[in-house]
Amino acid sequence: MTWGVVIDVPAPVEVYDAVHAALLERTGGAVDGLLVHVARATAAGFSVLEVWESREAAEHYEREVVGPLVAGVPGGPPPAGAGGRTEFEVRGLVLPRAGVAV
């Protein structure tokens, strides 16, 4: 099942920039199961929207790649429970240039 998540983080957008740069360096931008990743600055920090091939792929990436990397970011990760997280089953997704339609 195609799965999505929106994560709101109450931290400066520069934290996102640092984590994103480190993730790109580590993965080269190739992430198994990731279909879409979009981030934006918000009044409270930043927000990330991701669409994955499956919840399992997202959880694996968060546990094995993102978690350990964020733990090493200056200032550390935001406190547990800070921000918000909305998970959802994706009902429609079209990425014409990528040849994806689900």
N, C-alpha and C. Protein backbone atom coordinates (compact mmCIF):
# COMPACT_ATOMS: atom_id res chain seq x y z
N MET A 1 0.83 -1.16 0.00
CA MET A 1 0.00 0.00 0.00
C MET A 1 0.89 1.24 0.00
N THR A 2 0.61 2.19 -0.90
CA THR A 2 1.34 3.46 -0.93
C THR A 2 0.97 4.24 0.33
N TRP A 3 1.96 4.81 0.99
CA TRP A 3 1.78 5.39 2.30
C TRP A 3 2.43 6.77 2.36
N GLY A 4 1.81 7.70 3.07
CA GLY A 4 2.36 9.04 3.18
C GLY A 4 2.43 9.52 4.61
N VAL A 5 3.24 10.54 4.80
CA VAL A 5 3.40 11.14 6.12
C VAL A 5 3.73 12.62 5.97
N VAL A 6 3.16 13.43 6.85
CA VAL A 6 3.52 14.84 6.98
C VAL A 6 4.06 15.01 8.38
N ILE A 7 5.26 15.56 8.48
CA ILE A 7 5.91 15.75 9.78
C ILE A 7 6.18 17.24 9.96
N ASP A 8 5.64 17.82 11.03
CA ASP A 8 5.89 19.22 11.37
C ASP A 8 6.92 19.25 12.49
N VAL A 9 8.01 19.99 12.26
CA VAL A 9 9.11 20.01 13.21
C VAL A 9 9.33 21.43 13.73
N PRO A 10 9.24 21.63 15.05
CA PRO A 10 9.45 22.95 15.64
C PRO A 10 10.94 23.24 15.86
N ALA A 11 11.68 23.33 14.77
CA ALA A 11 13.11 23.61 14.83
C ALA A 11 13.44 24.54 13.67
N PRO A 12 14.50 25.30 13.78
CA PRO A 12 14.87 26.20 12.69
C PRO A 12 15.03 25.43 11.37
N VAL A 13 14.63 26.07 10.28
CA VAL A 13 14.72 25.42 8.97
C VAL A 13 16.17 25.05 8.63
N GLU A 14 17.12 25.71 9.28
CA GLU A 14 18.53 25.37 9.05
C GLU A 14 18.84 23.95 9.53
N VAL A 15 18.09 23.47 10.52
CA VAL A 15 18.24 22.08 10.96
C VAL A 15 17.85 21.15 9.81
N TYR A 16 16.72 21.46 9.16
CA TYR A 16 16.33 20.67 7.99
C TYR A 16 17.43 20.71 6.93
N ASP A 17 17.93 21.90 6.63
CA ASP A 17 18.96 22.04 5.59
C ASP A 17 20.18 21.17 5.90
N ALA A 18 20.60 21.15 7.15
CA ALA A 18 21.77 20.36 7.55
C ALA A 18 21.48 18.86 7.44
N VAL A 19 20.32 18.44 7.91
CA VAL A 19 19.97 17.01 7.84
C VAL A 19 19.80 16.58 6.39
N HIS A 20 19.14 17.40 5.60
CA HIS A 20 18.93 17.06 4.19
C HIS A 20 20.26 16.92 3.45
N ALA A 21 21.17 17.86 3.67
CA ALA A 21 22.49 17.78 3.03
C ALA A 21 23.23 16.52 3.46
N ALA A 22 23.18 16.19 4.73
CA ALA A 22 23.86 14.97 5.22
C ALA A 22 23.23 13.71 4.64
N LEU A 23 21.89 13.70 4.53
CA LEU A 23 21.21 12.53 3.94
C LEU A 23 21.57 12.37 2.47
N LEU A 24 21.62 13.48 1.74
CA LEU A 24 22.00 13.40 0.32
C LEU A 24 23.43 12.90 0.17
N GLU A 25 24.31 13.36 1.05
CA GLU A 25 25.69 12.90 1.01
C GLU A 25 25.77 11.40 1.29
N ARG A 26 25.00 10.96 2.25
CA ARG A 26 25.04 9.54 2.65
C ARG A 26 24.37 8.62 1.61
N THR A 27 23.25 9.08 1.04
CA THR A 27 22.48 8.21 0.15
C THR A 27 22.65 8.51 -1.34
N GLY A 28 23.20 9.68 -1.66
CA GLY A 28 23.27 10.09 -3.06
C GLY A 28 21.90 10.37 -3.64
N GLY A 29 20.90 10.48 -2.79
CA GLY A 29 19.54 10.74 -3.23
C GLY A 29 18.77 9.49 -3.61
N ALA A 30 19.42 8.33 -3.53
CA ALA A 30 18.75 7.06 -3.85
C ALA A 30 18.25 6.42 -2.56
N VAL A 31 16.93 6.42 -2.39
CA VAL A 31 16.33 5.87 -1.18
C VAL A 31 15.29 4.84 -1.59
N ASP A 32 15.53 3.59 -1.26
CA ASP A 32 14.60 2.53 -1.63
C ASP A 32 13.22 2.79 -1.06
N GLY A 33 12.23 2.81 -1.95
CA GLY A 33 10.85 2.94 -1.53
C GLY A 33 10.31 4.35 -1.47
N LEU A 34 11.18 5.36 -1.52
CA LEU A 34 10.73 6.75 -1.45
C LEU A 34 10.27 7.20 -2.83
N LEU A 35 9.04 7.69 -2.91
CA LEU A 35 8.49 8.18 -4.17
C LEU A 35 8.56 9.70 -4.27
N VAL A 36 8.27 10.41 -3.16
CA VAL A 36 8.25 11.88 -3.15
C VAL A 36 8.73 12.37 -1.79
N HIS A 37 9.54 13.41 -1.83
CA HIS A 37 9.96 14.11 -0.61
C HIS A 37 9.90 15.60 -0.90
N VAL A 38 9.14 16.33 -0.10
CA VAL A 38 9.02 17.78 -0.24
C VAL A 38 9.08 18.38 1.16
N ALA A 39 9.84 19.47 1.28
CA ALA A 39 9.91 20.16 2.57
C ALA A 39 9.66 21.64 2.36
N ARG A 40 9.25 22.30 3.45
CA ARG A 40 9.03 23.74 3.37
C ARG A 40 9.23 24.35 4.75
N ALA A 41 9.61 25.62 4.74
CA ALA A 41 9.70 26.37 5.99
C ALA A 41 8.29 26.72 6.44
N THR A 42 8.08 26.74 7.74
CA THR A 42 6.80 27.15 8.32
C THR A 42 7.07 28.20 9.39
N ALA A 43 6.02 28.81 9.89
CA ALA A 43 6.17 29.81 10.95
C ALA A 43 6.79 29.20 12.21
N ALA A 44 6.55 27.90 12.43
CA ALA A 44 7.05 27.24 13.64
C ALA A 44 8.34 26.46 13.42
N GLY A 45 8.82 26.37 12.19
CA GLY A 45 10.02 25.59 11.90
C GLY A 45 10.02 25.11 10.46
N PHE A 46 9.74 23.81 10.28
CA PHE A 46 9.64 23.26 8.94
C PHE A 46 8.71 22.06 8.91
N SER A 47 8.27 21.72 7.70
CA SER A 47 7.36 20.61 7.50
C SER A 47 7.90 19.75 6.36
N VAL A 48 7.76 18.45 6.49
CA VAL A 48 8.20 17.50 5.47
C VAL A 48 7.02 16.63 5.08
N LEU A 49 6.80 16.47 3.77
CA LEU A 49 5.79 15.56 3.25
C LEU A 49 6.52 14.50 2.44
N GLU A 50 6.24 13.23 2.74
CA GLU A 50 6.84 12.12 1.99
C GLU A 50 5.78 11.13 1.58
N VAL A 51 5.98 10.53 0.41
CA VAL A 51 5.15 9.44 -0.07
C VAL A 51 6.08 8.26 -0.34
N TRP A 52 5.69 7.12 0.20
CA TRP A 52 6.51 5.91 0.16
C TRP A 52 5.74 4.77 -0.51
N GLU A 53 6.48 3.82 -1.03
CA GLU A 53 5.86 2.62 -1.60
C GLU A 53 5.12 1.84 -0.52
N SER A 54 5.63 1.91 0.72
CA SER A 54 4.99 1.20 1.83
C SER A 54 5.39 1.83 3.15
N ARG A 55 4.59 1.59 4.16
CA ARG A 55 4.90 2.05 5.51
C ARG A 55 6.20 1.39 6.00
N GLU A 56 6.39 0.14 5.66
CA GLU A 56 7.59 -0.59 6.10
C GLU A 56 8.86 0.06 5.55
N ALA A 57 8.83 0.49 4.29
CA ALA A 57 10.00 1.15 3.70
C ALA A 57 10.31 2.45 4.43
N ALA A 58 9.28 3.21 4.76
CA ALA A 58 9.46 4.47 5.48
C ALA A 58 10.03 4.23 6.87
N GLU A 59 9.46 3.26 7.57
CA GLU A 59 9.92 2.97 8.94
C GLU A 59 11.37 2.48 8.94
N HIS A 60 11.72 1.66 7.97
CA HIS A 60 13.10 1.17 7.88
C HIS A 60 14.07 2.33 7.66
N TYR A 61 13.75 3.22 6.73
CA TYR A 61 14.62 4.37 6.44
C TYR A 61 14.74 5.28 7.66
N GLU A 62 13.62 5.55 8.33
CA GLU A 62 13.66 6.41 9.50
C GLU A 62 14.50 5.80 10.62
N ARG A 63 14.34 4.50 10.82
CA ARG A 63 15.05 3.80 11.90
C ARG A 63 16.55 3.65 11.59
N GLU A 64 16.88 3.25 10.36
CA GLU A 64 18.25 2.89 10.03
C GLU A 64 19.11 4.04 9.50
N VAL A 65 18.47 5.06 8.93
CA VAL A 65 19.24 6.14 8.30
C VAL A 65 18.99 7.48 8.98
N VAL A 66 17.75 7.92 9.02
CA VAL A 66 17.44 9.25 9.54
C VAL A 66 17.71 9.36 11.04
N GLY A 67 17.21 8.42 11.81
CA GLY A 67 17.37 8.47 13.27
C GLY A 67 18.81 8.64 13.72
N PRO A 68 19.70 7.75 13.27
CA PRO A 68 21.10 7.89 13.69
C PRO A 68 21.74 9.20 13.23
N LEU A 69 21.35 9.66 12.04
CA LEU A 69 21.93 10.90 11.53
C LEU A 69 21.44 12.11 12.32
N VAL A 70 20.14 12.17 12.61
CA VAL A 70 19.58 13.30 13.35
C VAL A 70 20.16 13.37 14.76
N ALA A 71 20.46 12.24 15.33
CA ALA A 71 21.02 12.22 16.69
C ALA A 71 22.36 12.96 16.74
N GLY A 72 23.06 13.03 15.60
CA GLY A 72 24.35 13.69 15.55
C GLY A 72 24.31 15.13 15.09
N VAL A 73 23.15 15.67 14.80
CA VAL A 73 23.03 17.06 14.35
C VAL A 73 23.25 18.00 15.51
N PRO A 74 24.03 19.09 15.31
CA PRO A 74 24.23 20.05 16.39
C PRO A 74 22.89 20.52 16.96
N GLY A 75 22.79 20.52 18.26
CA GLY A 75 21.54 20.90 18.92
C GLY A 75 20.65 19.70 19.17
N GLY A 76 20.96 18.59 18.51
CA GLY A 76 20.20 17.35 18.71
C GLY A 76 18.82 17.40 18.12
N PRO A 77 18.12 16.29 18.19
CA PRO A 77 16.77 16.23 17.66
C PRO A 77 15.80 17.01 18.54
N PRO A 78 14.65 17.42 17.97
CA PRO A 78 13.64 18.07 18.81
C PRO A 78 13.17 17.11 19.90
N PRO A 79 12.65 17.63 20.98
CA PRO A 79 12.16 16.77 22.06
C PRO A 79 11.07 15.82 21.56
N ALA A 80 11.03 14.63 22.12
CA ALA A 80 9.99 13.65 21.75
C ALA A 80 8.62 14.27 21.96
N GLY A 81 7.75 14.07 20.99
CA GLY A 81 6.39 14.59 21.09
C GLY A 81 6.25 16.02 20.58
N ALA A 82 7.37 16.67 20.26
CA ALA A 82 7.30 18.04 19.73
C ALA A 82 6.83 17.98 18.28
N GLY A 83 6.12 18.98 17.85
CA GLY A 83 5.65 19.01 16.47
C GLY A 83 4.45 18.10 16.29
N GLY A 84 4.26 17.66 15.07
CA GLY A 84 3.14 16.81 14.79
C GLY A 84 3.46 15.85 13.66
N ARG A 85 2.70 14.79 13.58
CA ARG A 85 2.92 13.77 12.56
C ARG A 85 1.55 13.27 12.11
N THR A 86 1.32 13.32 10.79
CA THR A 86 0.08 12.83 10.22
C THR A 86 0.43 11.77 9.18
N GLU A 87 -0.04 10.56 9.41
CA GLU A 87 0.19 9.46 8.49
C GLU A 87 -1.09 9.20 7.71
N PHE A 88 -0.96 8.78 6.45
CA PHE A 88 -2.14 8.55 5.63
C PHE A 88 -1.88 7.54 4.52
N GLU A 89 -2.94 6.86 4.13
CA GLU A 89 -2.89 5.97 2.98
C GLU A 89 -3.10 6.84 1.75
N VAL A 90 -2.18 6.76 0.82
CA VAL A 90 -2.26 7.57 -0.39
C VAL A 90 -3.32 6.99 -1.31
N ARG A 91 -4.25 7.83 -1.75
CA ARG A 91 -5.34 7.37 -2.60
C ARG A 91 -5.06 7.61 -4.07
N GLY A 92 -4.19 8.54 -4.39
CA GLY A 92 -3.87 8.80 -5.78
C GLY A 92 -2.53 9.51 -5.86
N LEU A 93 -1.69 9.09 -6.78
CA LEU A 93 -0.39 9.70 -6.97
C LEU A 93 -0.02 9.57 -8.43
N VAL A 94 0.34 10.66 -9.05
CA VAL A 94 0.79 10.65 -10.44
C VAL A 94 2.09 11.43 -10.52
N LEU A 95 3.13 10.79 -11.01
CA LEU A 95 4.43 11.42 -11.25
C LEU A 95 4.78 11.14 -12.71
N PRO A 96 4.22 11.90 -13.65
CA PRO A 96 4.35 11.58 -15.07
C PRO A 96 5.78 11.39 -15.55
N ARG A 97 6.69 12.26 -15.18
CA ARG A 97 8.08 12.14 -15.65
C ARG A 97 8.80 10.94 -15.07
N ALA A 98 8.34 10.46 -13.91
CA ALA A 98 8.96 9.29 -13.29
C ALA A 98 8.28 8.00 -13.74
N GLY A 99 7.19 8.14 -14.47
CA GLY A 99 6.47 6.94 -14.92
C GLY A 99 5.73 6.24 -13.80
N VAL A 100 5.31 7.01 -12.77
CA VAL A 100 4.61 6.42 -11.62
C VAL A 100 3.17 6.91 -11.61
N ALA A 101 2.25 5.98 -11.47
CA ALA A 101 0.84 6.32 -11.25
C ALA A 101 0.24 5.22 -10.40
N VAL A 102 -0.20 5.58 -9.20
CA VAL A 102 -0.84 4.59 -8.30
C VAL A 102 -2.11 5.17 -7.75
